[in-house]
Amino acid sequence: MKNSIKLFAIGLLLSVAGCHDPEELTPSVVNMGLNSVSAQFASGEYKNDAQARFTTLVTDSEQERIVIDIPYYFPESSTNRVDITQMRVSANLDDNCFLTPKLGTLDLTQEHWFTLTRVDGTTRKICITGNIKKSDKCQLEAFALPSLGLTGVIDQEKAEVSIIALGDLEPAKATYQLSYHASISPDPAAEALDYNNEVKLTVTAFDGVTKKTYTVKKNVPSKTKSGIRAGSQKNLFVSETFKQQWGMSGTMNYTMGLMGDYLVVCSGESEMVYVNKLTGEKVGNVNMGGIDLKNGTNGGGAIASDDAGHLVLCTNATAGMDMHFYTLDDVRNTPQEKLVWKNTSGARMGQHISVRGDITRDAVITVNTWAWASPANWSSFVRIVVSGGVWGEPEKVTIAGCGMWNGGNIDVEYLTTDLAGTYFKASYSTNGLEWIDGATNTRTAFIDKDGNDANSNFSNVSCLYFNGNPYVAVYGGSHFNYSASRVLMFDAADRNNFNGTFDASPALYYKSTAKYISGLTGTASCDVLLAQSPDGYFLYLYWIGGNTNFIRAEQFDCIEQ
């Protein structure tokens, strides 16, 4: 009976519907249809470079002329003039909208007309063309008086450079860094200026029009009450081809250190380059003097910087093999051997080395195991204590209650030179971040990985105090195809917040966007580095992946604004 009623109702509805002509359906909301237009080089070495994608947003539904701005030089740091006669053009369109004719490779020195058909069937003409644009950036990005041993602290918001000094200053020439292809007047590198009184410096952008005038003065800027100033994060540089850019051929084990104005990068062998720490531009190669840090074909050695700008290097050593340690005090010098130690730890060492303190005074050095070489259920590292500039005998330290590693990469770093204080540990097998109590060498807090991090290699850790507040960073490089490569930085002021997972921990301060990469080359070697400027106003965060050919640098500050 119920089925009969349903059939009768359906038939009635169909008969009623048949009495009317069908109506054309139209959307209730019609958006612009075209949201943005992008252009990439159709040929050449940068055709697949993610940084070489130039996009213009469409903000007006009646906009007819769409001009894609393309920098005069690419990369902007180079003097490579761009050619826009063959650009691969694409568009972001709303659903069911289309352009005729179809986009493809265009000569953007010319105008190209298309018809945009929107979802409601309406059409309009648009013109797509390109514009080679000289940069309008005009920042003074770094300033120093080398002869006086002073570095200027730059407040971009106020356009002020503070020279931190108490007594009178002798006239001095400056070194500086500007936005790419900008100029400065007067040129403080060409003449010695008197900075006891305010000095005005005008930076003119490459376009010759945009300008910014900075006031350089002897001053001590105020700092935030504690830690990083909110909103101060700034990307310094990023590269997905650093090996080619810097002419590096090694693949064994990529590690980093900071020495003055330079970021030093080593491939774990006899190859070490130094680049500008703020721009990533290569400056030179360190003369290794015949030193090779690798152990045959099985593993590369490592480098790290202390808190005073010295570098420590170590070879990779199998258990029972001699392990060599070297120091470097200037990128223009040659590393000097400091210690030879027979590796009595029971495992291969040399994947990572970390330093806290000043190796010419007091410091603690940690050396960690190499991939796929540790015994089962391994939870030990090697520690060297430096007291009054004298290096002690390396000793094996075992961590209790931590995530053990069966041949995975491991990194350990102390927060201070106090052996009873906190240190942090990260390892491949655990893929989390562990807080270790130095007094008992026991894990007391833990932040776990997230679901998409399982195949990554979170075995890189770095920590420090910045403006009175402790921070710790962990980096997971691409260990396998499509594993996540990303860095996270945590506020370590409160151990009670040191819990949860990477993305959900209350201690999380910063995280990068995860990269999922296929076609990995090299080895699953990675490193992360937290360091600060000698004046304590800037915090730098670097991370590098040997498997992905990727490096990135971020800057934070504590300048009260």
Protein backbone atom coordinates (compact mmCIF):
# COMPACT_ATOMS: atom_id res chain seq x y z
CA MET A 1 0.00 0.00 0.00
CA LYS A 2 2.88 2.37 0.86
CA ASN A 3 4.60 1.66 -2.47
CA SER A 4 1.39 2.48 -4.34
CA ILE A 5 1.13 5.84 -2.62
CA LYS A 6 4.78 6.68 -3.49
CA LEU A 7 4.29 5.78 -7.14
CA PHE A 8 1.11 7.85 -7.37
CA ALA A 9 2.93 10.88 -5.87
CA ILE A 10 5.86 10.55 -8.26
CA GLY A 11 3.52 10.32 -11.24
CA LEU A 12 1.65 13.42 -10.10
CA LEU A 13 4.87 15.40 -9.81
CA LEU A 14 6.03 14.31 -13.27
CA SER A 15 2.70 15.31 -14.80
CA VAL A 16 2.86 18.74 -13.17
CA ALA A 17 6.47 19.23 -14.28
CA GLY A 18 5.52 18.33 -17.83
CA CYS A 19 3.20 21.30 -18.01
CA HIS A 20 6.11 23.83 -17.91
CA ASP A 21 9.00 24.64 -20.23
CA PRO A 22 12.41 23.78 -18.67
CA GLU A 23 14.23 26.80 -17.19
CA GLU A 24 17.96 27.48 -17.79
CA LEU A 25 19.96 27.16 -14.54
CA THR A 26 22.20 30.12 -13.68
CA PRO A 27 24.58 30.40 -10.74
CA SER A 28 23.49 32.57 -7.83
CA VAL A 29 26.97 34.10 -7.52
CA VAL A 30 29.29 35.02 -10.39
CA ASN A 31 32.87 35.74 -9.34
CA MET A 32 35.55 37.48 -11.39
CA GLY A 33 36.37 34.30 -13.28
CA LEU A 34 40.06 35.14 -13.59
CA ASN A 35 41.98 35.49 -10.33
CA SER A 36 45.65 35.65 -11.34
CA VAL A 37 48.05 35.16 -14.23
CA SER A 38 51.55 33.68 -13.84
CA ALA A 39 54.60 33.40 -16.07
CA GLN A 40 57.66 31.14 -15.92
CA PHE A 41 60.68 30.80 -18.18
CA ALA A 42 59.90 28.28 -20.93
CA SER A 43 63.53 27.27 -21.36
CA GLY A 44 66.91 27.58 -19.68
CA GLU A 45 68.23 26.55 -16.27
CA TYR A 46 65.47 28.32 -14.31
CA LYS A 47 62.46 26.96 -16.17
CA ASN A 48 61.54 24.64 -13.29
CA ASP A 49 62.69 26.90 -10.46
CA ALA A 50 59.84 27.57 -8.01
CA GLN A 51 61.33 31.03 -7.31
CA ALA A 52 61.08 31.90 -11.01
CA ARG A 53 57.29 32.07 -11.09
CA PHE A 54 55.97 35.62 -11.47
CA THR A 55 52.30 36.24 -10.65
CA THR A 56 49.94 39.17 -11.07
CA LEU A 57 46.70 39.18 -9.09
CA VAL A 58 43.48 40.31 -10.74
CA THR A 59 41.52 42.49 -8.31
CA ASP A 60 39.02 44.19 -10.64
CA SER A 61 36.32 42.23 -12.48
CA GLU A 62 36.47 44.77 -15.33
CA GLN A 63 40.27 44.83 -15.57
CA GLU A 64 41.22 44.56 -19.22
CA ARG A 65 45.00 44.90 -19.24
CA ILE A 66 47.01 42.44 -17.12
CA VAL A 67 50.73 43.17 -16.85
CA ILE A 68 53.07 40.56 -15.36
CA ASP A 69 56.10 42.20 -13.73
CA ILE A 70 59.34 40.26 -14.20
CA PRO A 71 62.59 41.34 -12.51
CA TYR A 72 65.28 42.92 -14.66
CA TYR A 73 67.79 40.34 -13.42
CA PHE A 74 67.15 36.75 -12.42
CA PRO A 75 68.12 35.62 -9.88
CA GLU A 76 67.86 39.13 -8.49
CA SER A 77 71.27 38.73 -6.88
CA SER A 78 72.87 38.14 -10.28
CA THR A 79 73.52 40.27 -13.36
CA ASN A 80 71.67 37.86 -15.65
CA ARG A 81 69.38 39.98 -17.84
CA VAL A 82 66.03 38.28 -18.34
CA ASP A 83 64.57 37.39 -21.72
CA ILE A 84 60.76 37.36 -21.72
CA THR A 85 60.21 36.44 -25.34
CA GLN A 86 59.46 32.83 -24.37
CA MET A 87 57.45 32.66 -21.17
CA ARG A 88 55.11 29.84 -20.16
CA VAL A 89 51.92 31.60 -19.06
CA SER A 90 49.16 30.08 -16.91
CA ALA A 91 46.04 31.41 -15.18
CA ASN A 92 44.06 30.73 -12.04
CA LEU A 93 40.40 30.54 -13.13
CA ASP A 94 37.18 29.94 -11.26
CA ASP A 95 35.42 26.64 -11.96
CA ASN A 96 33.71 26.43 -15.36
CA CYS A 97 35.49 29.55 -16.65
CA PHE A 98 37.91 29.46 -19.57
CA LEU A 99 40.10 31.54 -21.87
CA THR A 100 40.18 31.39 -25.64
CA PRO A 101 42.53 30.86 -27.25
CA LYS A 102 44.35 28.67 -24.73
CA LEU A 103 47.38 29.97 -22.89
CA GLY A 104 50.84 28.61 -23.63
CA THR A 105 54.29 29.98 -24.40
CA LEU A 106 54.08 33.69 -25.15
CA ASP A 107 56.37 36.55 -26.09
CA LEU A 108 55.57 38.91 -23.24
CA THR A 109 57.22 41.86 -24.95
CA GLN A 110 54.02 41.85 -27.03
CA GLU A 111 50.32 42.22 -26.20
CA HIS A 112 48.15 39.09 -26.39
CA TRP A 113 44.35 39.27 -26.44
CA PHE A 114 42.05 36.57 -25.06
CA THR A 115 38.36 36.11 -24.43
CA LEU A 116 37.37 35.23 -20.86
CA THR A 117 34.10 33.30 -20.62
CA ARG A 118 32.65 33.26 -17.12
CA VAL A 119 30.35 30.72 -15.51
CA ASP A 120 27.20 32.69 -16.40
CA GLY A 121 28.17 32.76 -20.07
CA THR A 122 29.22 36.42 -20.16
CA THR A 123 32.47 37.27 -21.90
CA ARG A 124 35.02 40.02 -21.88
CA LYS A 125 38.31 40.74 -23.60
CA ILE A 126 41.58 40.76 -21.66
CA CYS A 127 45.12 41.61 -22.71
CA ILE A 128 48.15 39.84 -21.20
CA THR A 129 51.61 41.31 -21.53
CA GLY A 130 54.85 41.58 -19.55
CA ASN A 131 56.98 44.28 -18.01
CA ILE A 132 60.66 43.98 -17.19
CA LYS A 133 60.84 45.85 -13.90
CA LYS A 134 63.88 47.16 -12.10
CA SER A 135 63.75 46.48 -8.38
CA ASP A 136 62.20 49.11 -6.10
CA LYS A 137 63.83 47.63 -2.99
CA CYS A 138 65.98 50.12 -1.12
CA GLN A 139 66.92 48.63 2.23
CA LEU A 140 70.15 48.89 4.14
CA GLU A 141 70.35 45.29 5.29
CA ALA A 142 73.66 45.17 7.15
CA PHE A 143 76.11 47.76 8.46
CA ALA A 144 79.42 47.45 10.31
CA LEU A 145 82.56 49.38 11.23
CA PRO A 146 85.20 46.63 11.03
CA SER A 147 88.14 48.79 12.12
CA LEU A 148 86.27 49.53 15.37
CA GLY A 149 84.89 46.01 15.78
CA LEU A 150 81.32 47.33 15.78
CA THR A 151 78.15 46.13 14.03
CA GLY A 152 75.15 48.37 13.50
CA VAL A 153 71.71 47.27 14.67
CA ILE A 154 69.17 48.20 12.01
CA ASP A 155 65.58 49.14 12.81
CA GLN A 156 63.84 49.04 9.44
CA GLU A 157 60.61 50.56 10.76
CA LYS A 158 62.36 53.68 12.06
CA ALA A 159 65.10 53.62 9.36
CA GLU A 160 67.71 53.85 12.11
CA VAL A 161 71.08 52.19 12.55
CA SER A 162 72.35 52.03 16.11
CA ILE A 163 76.09 51.81 16.76
CA ILE A 164 76.40 50.33 20.24
CA ALA A 165 79.29 52.17 21.88
CA LEU A 166 79.85 54.13 25.07
CA GLY A 167 82.98 56.22 24.34
CA ASP A 168 83.89 58.47 21.43
CA LEU A 169 84.38 56.84 18.05
CA GLU A 170 87.20 57.41 15.62
CA PRO A 171 86.10 58.22 12.05
CA ALA A 172 85.80 54.92 10.24
CA LYS A 173 84.92 53.35 6.92
CA ALA A 174 81.96 50.98 6.91
CA THR A 175 81.00 47.77 5.25
CA TYR A 176 77.37 47.36 4.33
CA GLN A 177 74.84 45.33 2.42
CA LEU A 178 72.02 46.79 0.35
CA SER A 179 69.03 45.45 -1.51
CA TYR A 180 70.22 43.95 -4.76
CA HIS A 181 71.52 46.53 -7.27
CA ALA A 182 70.72 49.48 -4.99
CA SER A 183 73.21 52.29 -4.33
CA ILE A 184 74.02 54.42 -1.28
CA SER A 185 74.98 58.06 -0.81
CA PRO A 186 77.27 59.13 0.64
CA ASP A 187 79.19 55.87 0.29
CA PRO A 188 80.38 55.00 3.82
CA ALA A 189 82.82 52.46 2.41
CA ALA A 190 84.61 55.11 0.36
CA GLU A 191 85.19 57.65 3.14
CA ALA A 192 85.68 57.55 6.90
CA LEU A 193 82.68 59.19 8.55
CA ASP A 194 82.26 60.54 12.07
CA TYR A 195 79.54 58.50 13.78
CA ASN A 196 79.67 60.39 17.06
CA ASN A 197 77.01 62.56 15.47
CA GLU A 198 74.05 61.41 13.40
CA VAL A 199 74.91 60.47 9.81
CA LYS A 200 72.27 60.35 7.07
CA LEU A 201 72.65 57.66 4.40
CA THR A 202 70.25 57.47 1.45
CA VAL A 203 69.69 54.15 -0.30
CA THR A 204 68.36 54.40 -3.85
CA ALA A 205 66.71 51.37 -5.42
CA PHE A 206 67.75 49.95 -8.79
CA ASP A 207 64.78 51.71 -10.38
CA GLY A 208 66.50 55.04 -9.61
CA VAL A 209 63.33 56.44 -8.08
CA THR A 210 62.50 54.69 -4.81
CA LYS A 211 64.61 55.89 -1.89
CA LYS A 212 64.98 55.40 1.85
CA THR A 213 67.11 57.53 4.16
CA TYR A 214 68.66 55.95 7.25
CA THR A 215 69.97 57.72 10.31
CA VAL A 216 73.14 56.15 11.71
CA LYS A 217 73.84 57.13 15.31
CA LYS A 218 75.65 56.01 18.41
CA ASN A 219 72.93 54.42 20.47
CA VAL A 220 71.86 51.38 22.44
CA PRO A 221 68.37 50.34 21.23
CA SER A 222 65.93 48.88 23.70
CA LYS A 223 65.16 45.17 23.64
CA THR A 224 61.87 43.43 24.18
CA LYS A 225 61.32 42.23 27.72
CA SER A 226 62.25 38.66 26.81
CA GLY A 227 62.78 36.56 23.73
CA ILE A 228 61.81 37.29 20.14
CA ARG A 229 59.80 40.34 19.12
CA ALA A 230 56.47 39.16 17.74
CA GLY A 231 56.20 39.72 14.00
CA SER A 232 59.94 40.13 13.44
CA GLN A 233 60.38 37.01 11.29
CA LYS A 234 62.06 37.72 7.96
CA ASN A 235 63.23 35.35 5.25
CA LEU A 236 66.86 36.01 4.37
CA PHE A 237 67.34 33.58 1.51
CA VAL A 238 66.23 30.24 0.13
CA SER A 239 67.71 28.01 -2.55
CA GLU A 240 66.71 24.69 -4.07
CA THR A 241 69.98 24.42 -5.99
CA PHE A 242 72.64 25.39 -3.46
CA LYS A 243 75.12 22.70 -4.57
CA GLN A 244 75.18 24.07 -8.11
CA GLN A 245 75.16 27.70 -6.95
CA TRP A 246 78.14 27.17 -4.67
CA GLY A 247 79.96 24.67 -6.86
CA MET A 248 79.81 21.87 -4.30
CA SER A 249 80.34 18.30 -5.48
CA GLY A 250 80.33 16.32 -2.22
CA THR A 251 77.31 14.34 -1.06
CA MET A 252 78.45 12.66 2.17
CA ASN A 253 77.13 14.79 5.05
CA TYR A 254 76.02 18.43 4.94
CA THR A 255 76.57 20.40 8.17
CA MET A 256 76.90 24.12 9.00
CA GLY A 257 78.50 26.66 11.28
CA LEU A 258 78.43 30.46 11.65
CA MET A 259 81.64 32.53 11.70
CA GLY A 260 81.19 36.30 11.87
CA ASP A 261 79.55 37.45 8.65
CA TYR A 262 79.68 34.01 7.06
CA LEU A 263 77.69 30.81 7.05
CA VAL A 264 80.10 27.91 6.52
CA VAL A 265 78.83 24.75 4.83
CA CYS A 266 80.71 21.45 4.61
CA SER A 267 79.80 18.36 2.58
CA GLY A 268 81.54 16.06 5.06
CA GLU A 269 84.66 15.59 2.97
CA SER A 270 87.47 17.97 1.99
CA GLU A 271 85.07 20.64 0.75
CA MET A 272 83.93 23.63 2.79
CA VAL A 273 82.49 26.89 1.41
CA TYR A 274 81.53 30.13 3.12
CA VAL A 275 78.67 32.37 2.04
CA ASN A 276 77.20 35.68 3.16
CA LYS A 277 75.06 34.77 6.18
CA LEU A 278 72.32 37.25 5.17
CA THR A 279 72.09 36.62 1.41
CA GLY A 280 73.48 33.15 0.79
CA GLU A 281 75.86 34.51 -1.86
CA LYS A 282 79.06 32.48 -2.06
CA VAL A 283 82.18 34.34 -0.95
CA GLY A 284 84.86 31.65 -1.09
CA ASN A 285 86.21 28.21 -0.26
CA VAL A 286 88.03 27.35 2.94
CA ASN A 287 91.53 26.06 2.33
CA MET A 288 91.34 22.66 4.01
CA GLY A 289 95.08 22.08 3.78
CA GLY A 290 94.63 18.49 2.64
CA ILE A 291 92.21 17.57 5.46
CA ASP A 292 89.49 15.08 4.50
CA LEU A 293 86.73 14.44 7.04
CA LYS A 294 85.18 11.38 5.40
CA ASN A 295 85.73 7.75 6.31
CA GLY A 296 86.20 6.03 2.96
CA THR A 297 82.84 5.66 1.25
CA ASN A 298 80.97 4.94 4.48
CA GLY A 299 80.41 8.34 5.99
CA GLY A 300 81.33 12.01 6.12
CA GLY A 301 82.52 14.10 9.03
CA ALA A 302 80.86 17.22 10.43
CA ILE A 303 81.38 20.84 11.46
CA ALA A 304 79.79 23.17 14.03
CA SER A 305 80.42 26.65 15.38
CA ASP A 306 80.73 27.69 19.01
CA ASP A 307 79.10 30.80 20.49
CA ALA A 308 82.19 32.93 19.82
CA GLY A 309 82.54 32.33 16.09
CA HIS A 310 85.08 29.51 16.11
CA LEU A 311 84.57 26.35 14.08
CA VAL A 312 85.10 22.75 15.23
CA LEU A 313 85.49 19.94 12.68
CA CYS A 314 85.56 16.17 13.20
CA THR A 315 86.28 13.19 11.01
CA ASN A 316 83.97 10.22 10.69
CA ALA A 317 85.36 7.29 12.65
CA THR A 318 84.36 3.66 13.00
CA ALA A 319 84.55 2.12 16.49
CA GLY A 320 88.22 1.53 17.31
CA MET A 321 89.41 4.01 14.68
CA ASP A 322 91.25 7.28 15.37
CA MET A 323 88.97 10.32 15.29
CA HIS A 324 90.50 13.70 14.42
CA PHE A 325 89.24 17.05 15.66
CA TYR A 326 90.20 20.39 14.11
CA THR A 327 89.47 24.05 14.86
CA LEU A 328 89.24 27.11 12.62
CA ASP A 329 89.25 30.73 13.80
CA ASP A 330 88.92 32.52 10.42
CA VAL A 331 87.51 31.43 7.06
CA ARG A 332 90.70 32.68 5.41
CA ASN A 333 92.87 30.36 7.51
CA THR A 334 93.43 26.60 7.41
CA PRO A 335 91.91 24.24 10.04
CA GLN A 336 94.37 23.15 12.72
CA GLU A 337 94.35 19.73 14.35
CA LYS A 338 93.35 19.94 18.01
CA LEU A 339 92.80 16.38 19.21
CA VAL A 340 93.21 12.79 18.07
CA TRP A 341 91.07 10.27 19.95
CA LYS A 342 90.67 6.55 19.49
CA ASN A 343 86.93 5.97 19.19
CA THR A 344 86.14 3.77 22.20
CA SER A 345 82.39 4.49 22.16
CA GLY A 346 81.46 1.23 20.43
CA ALA A 347 79.78 2.91 17.45
CA ARG A 348 80.67 4.91 14.38
CA MET A 349 80.92 8.62 15.24
CA GLY A 350 80.90 11.83 13.22
CA GLN A 351 77.40 12.35 11.82
CA HIS A 352 76.90 15.49 13.92
CA ILE A 353 79.00 17.66 16.18
CA SER A 354 77.63 20.48 18.36
CA VAL A 355 79.33 23.12 20.50
CA ARG A 356 78.02 25.30 23.31
CA GLY A 357 80.23 28.03 24.79
CA ASP A 358 83.62 29.33 23.65
CA ILE A 359 86.30 26.72 22.84
CA THR A 360 89.05 29.18 23.80
CA ARG A 361 87.52 29.37 27.29
CA ASP A 362 84.76 27.03 28.47
CA ALA A 363 82.62 24.85 26.22
CA VAL A 364 80.90 21.50 25.89
CA ILE A 365 81.19 19.56 22.62
CA THR A 366 78.92 16.66 21.69
CA VAL A 367 79.66 14.13 18.96
CA ASN A 368 76.99 11.82 17.62
CA THR A 369 76.58 8.54 15.78
CA TRP A 370 76.54 7.97 12.05
CA ALA A 371 73.59 6.50 10.16
CA TRP A 372 73.06 2.75 10.04
CA ALA A 373 76.07 2.02 12.17
CA SER A 374 74.99 1.96 15.81
CA PRO A 375 74.49 -1.23 17.79
CA ALA A 376 70.95 -2.24 18.66
CA ASN A 377 69.18 -0.20 21.36
CA TRP A 378 71.84 2.47 21.27
CA SER A 379 71.33 5.63 23.33
CA SER A 380 74.80 7.13 23.77
CA PHE A 381 76.85 10.06 22.51
CA VAL A 382 80.37 11.35 23.14
CA ARG A 383 81.05 14.52 25.13
CA ILE A 384 84.17 16.69 25.36
CA VAL A 385 84.40 19.32 28.10
CA VAL A 386 86.62 22.35 27.46
CA SER A 387 87.78 24.22 30.56
CA GLY A 388 89.97 27.31 30.33
CA GLY A 389 90.64 26.49 26.68
CA VAL A 390 91.93 23.00 27.56
CA TRP A 391 90.11 20.06 25.96
CA GLY A 392 89.30 17.16 28.23
CA GLU A 393 89.28 13.49 27.29
CA PRO A 394 86.20 12.47 25.24
CA GLU A 395 83.71 10.51 27.34
CA LYS A 396 80.71 8.37 26.50
CA VAL A 397 77.34 9.52 27.91
CA THR A 398 74.24 7.28 27.91
CA ILE A 399 70.71 8.70 28.01
CA ALA A 400 68.07 6.86 30.03
CA GLY A 401 64.41 6.61 29.08
CA CYS A 402 64.84 8.16 25.65
CA GLY A 403 63.81 6.96 22.23
CA MET A 404 66.59 4.58 21.25
CA TRP A 405 68.04 4.34 17.78
CA ASN A 406 69.08 1.23 15.91
CA GLY A 407 71.44 2.69 13.38
CA GLY A 408 69.63 6.00 12.88
CA ASN A 409 71.05 9.50 12.79
CA ILE A 410 71.27 11.29 16.13
CA ASP A 411 71.94 14.86 17.26
CA VAL A 412 72.46 16.18 20.81
CA GLU A 413 73.08 19.79 21.87
CA TYR A 414 73.44 21.44 25.30
CA LEU A 415 71.49 24.60 26.08
CA THR A 416 74.32 25.99 28.28
CA THR A 417 77.78 24.84 29.34
CA ASP A 418 76.30 23.52 32.60
CA LEU A 419 76.55 19.73 32.32
CA ALA A 420 73.76 19.38 34.89
CA GLY A 421 71.50 21.63 32.85
CA THR A 422 69.19 20.89 29.92
CA TYR A 423 70.16 19.40 26.61
CA PHE A 424 68.05 18.28 23.66
CA LYS A 425 68.13 15.16 21.54
CA ALA A 426 66.60 14.20 18.19
CA SER A 427 67.03 10.93 16.29
CA TYR A 428 65.72 9.27 13.17
CA SER A 429 64.10 6.28 14.83
CA THR A 430 62.18 8.44 17.30
CA ASN A 431 61.50 11.37 14.93
CA GLY A 432 60.53 13.60 17.85
CA LEU A 433 62.18 16.20 20.08
CA GLU A 434 63.41 15.12 23.53
CA TRP A 435 64.23 17.25 26.57
CA ILE A 436 67.03 15.66 28.61
CA ASP A 437 67.91 16.50 32.21
CA GLY A 438 71.71 16.80 32.30
CA ALA A 439 71.93 16.03 36.00
CA THR A 440 70.52 12.53 35.51
CA ASN A 441 70.88 12.14 31.71
CA THR A 442 67.21 11.14 31.63
CA ARG A 443 64.44 12.22 29.30
CA THR A 444 61.97 14.45 31.14
CA ALA A 445 59.81 15.86 28.32
CA PHE A 446 58.96 14.92 24.74
CA ILE A 447 57.26 16.40 21.67
CA ASP A 448 56.24 13.70 19.21
CA LYS A 449 56.10 13.78 15.43
CA ASP A 450 52.84 14.24 13.52
CA GLY A 451 51.19 11.74 11.23
CA ASN A 452 52.79 13.01 8.02
CA ASP A 453 56.27 13.00 9.55
CA ALA A 454 56.71 9.23 9.83
CA ASN A 455 59.08 8.85 6.87
CA SER A 456 61.08 11.98 7.60
CA ASN A 457 64.47 12.24 9.27
CA PHE A 458 64.03 14.41 12.38
CA SER A 459 67.58 13.89 13.58
CA ASN A 460 68.82 17.47 13.65
CA VAL A 461 68.57 19.76 16.67
CA SER A 462 69.92 23.17 17.70
CA CYS A 463 69.21 25.34 20.74
CA LEU A 464 70.29 28.56 22.47
CA TYR A 465 69.27 31.38 24.77
CA PHE A 466 68.18 34.49 22.89
CA ASN A 467 67.38 37.67 24.79
CA GLY A 468 67.03 35.67 27.99
CA ASN A 469 64.68 33.03 26.57
CA PRO A 470 65.58 29.49 25.45
CA TYR A 471 64.62 28.20 21.99
CA VAL A 472 65.17 24.86 20.32
CA ALA A 473 64.78 23.93 16.65
CA VAL A 474 64.37 20.50 15.07
CA TYR A 475 64.65 19.72 11.37
CA GLY A 476 63.39 16.72 9.43
CA GLY A 477 65.01 16.28 6.05
CA SER A 478 63.70 14.14 3.23
CA HIS A 479 64.88 10.63 4.01
CA PHE A 480 62.69 8.94 1.42
CA ASN A 481 60.78 10.16 -1.63
CA TYR A 482 57.80 12.32 -0.62
CA SER A 483 58.75 12.41 3.06
CA ALA A 484 58.19 15.79 4.71
CA SER A 485 61.10 18.21 4.88
CA ARG A 486 60.44 20.96 7.42
CA VAL A 487 61.81 22.83 10.44
CA LEU A 488 60.06 23.68 13.70
CA MET A 489 61.20 26.00 16.49
CA PHE A 490 59.91 25.75 20.06
CA ASP A 491 59.91 28.06 23.06
CA ALA A 492 61.69 26.10 25.78
CA ALA A 493 61.03 28.49 28.69
CA ASP A 494 58.48 26.15 30.31
CA ARG A 495 59.05 22.41 30.35
CA ASN A 496 55.35 21.90 31.17
CA ASN A 497 54.52 23.13 27.65
CA PHE A 498 56.97 20.70 26.08
CA ASN A 499 54.45 18.05 25.07
CA GLY A 500 51.97 17.03 22.38
CA THR A 501 52.96 16.72 18.74
CA PHE A 502 55.00 19.05 16.55
CA ASP A 503 52.03 20.96 15.14
CA ALA A 504 49.93 20.88 18.30
CA SER A 505 52.50 21.51 21.05
CA PRO A 506 51.84 24.61 23.20
CA ALA A 507 55.59 25.28 22.96
CA LEU A 508 55.54 25.68 19.16
CA TYR A 509 56.82 29.11 18.07
CA TYR A 510 57.55 28.74 14.34
CA LYS A 511 57.26 26.10 11.63
CA SER A 512 58.10 26.09 7.96
CA THR A 513 55.84 24.76 5.24
CA ALA A 514 56.50 21.08 4.64
CA LYS A 515 58.08 20.17 1.31
CA TYR A 516 57.39 16.79 -0.26
CA ILE A 517 60.07 15.98 -2.81
CA SER A 518 60.65 13.08 -5.17
CA GLY A 519 63.77 12.17 -7.08
CA LEU A 520 66.12 12.63 -4.13
CA THR A 521 69.85 12.73 -4.82
CA GLY A 522 72.85 12.48 -2.51
CA THR A 523 72.43 11.17 1.01
CA ALA A 524 69.89 11.76 3.76
CA SER A 525 72.22 14.26 5.44
CA CYS A 526 70.73 17.40 6.97
CA ASP A 527 71.48 20.04 9.55
CA VAL A 528 69.78 22.85 11.45
CA LEU A 529 71.47 25.82 13.09
CA LEU A 530 70.23 28.42 15.57
CA ALA A 531 72.68 31.29 16.09
CA GLN A 532 72.60 34.93 17.09
CA SER A 533 74.42 38.09 16.13
CA PRO A 534 77.32 39.11 18.41
CA ASP A 535 75.29 42.08 19.71
CA GLY A 536 72.41 39.78 20.68
CA TYR A 537 69.75 41.63 18.67
CA PHE A 538 69.22 39.10 15.86
CA LEU A 539 68.45 35.39 15.85
CA TYR A 540 69.20 33.30 12.75
CA LEU A 541 67.64 29.97 11.84
CA TYR A 542 69.23 27.94 9.02
CA TRP A 543 68.34 24.50 7.72
CA ILE A 544 69.92 22.47 4.93
CA GLY A 545 69.16 19.17 3.19
CA GLY A 546 71.80 17.25 1.26
CA ASN A 547 69.19 14.96 -0.25
CA THR A 548 67.01 17.81 -1.48
CA ASN A 549 69.63 20.42 -2.49
CA PHE A 550 67.65 22.83 -0.28
CA ILE A 551 68.74 25.54 2.15
CA ARG A 552 66.77 28.30 3.84
CA ALA A 553 67.50 31.09 6.34
CA GLU A 554 65.12 33.06 8.58
CA GLN A 555 65.87 36.03 10.82
CA PHE A 556 64.15 37.15 14.04
CA ASP A 557 64.98 40.07 16.34
CA CYS A 558 64.32 41.47 19.81
CA ILE A 559 64.38 45.21 19.01
CA GLU A 560 61.70 47.07 20.94
CA GLN A 561 59.42 48.90 18.50
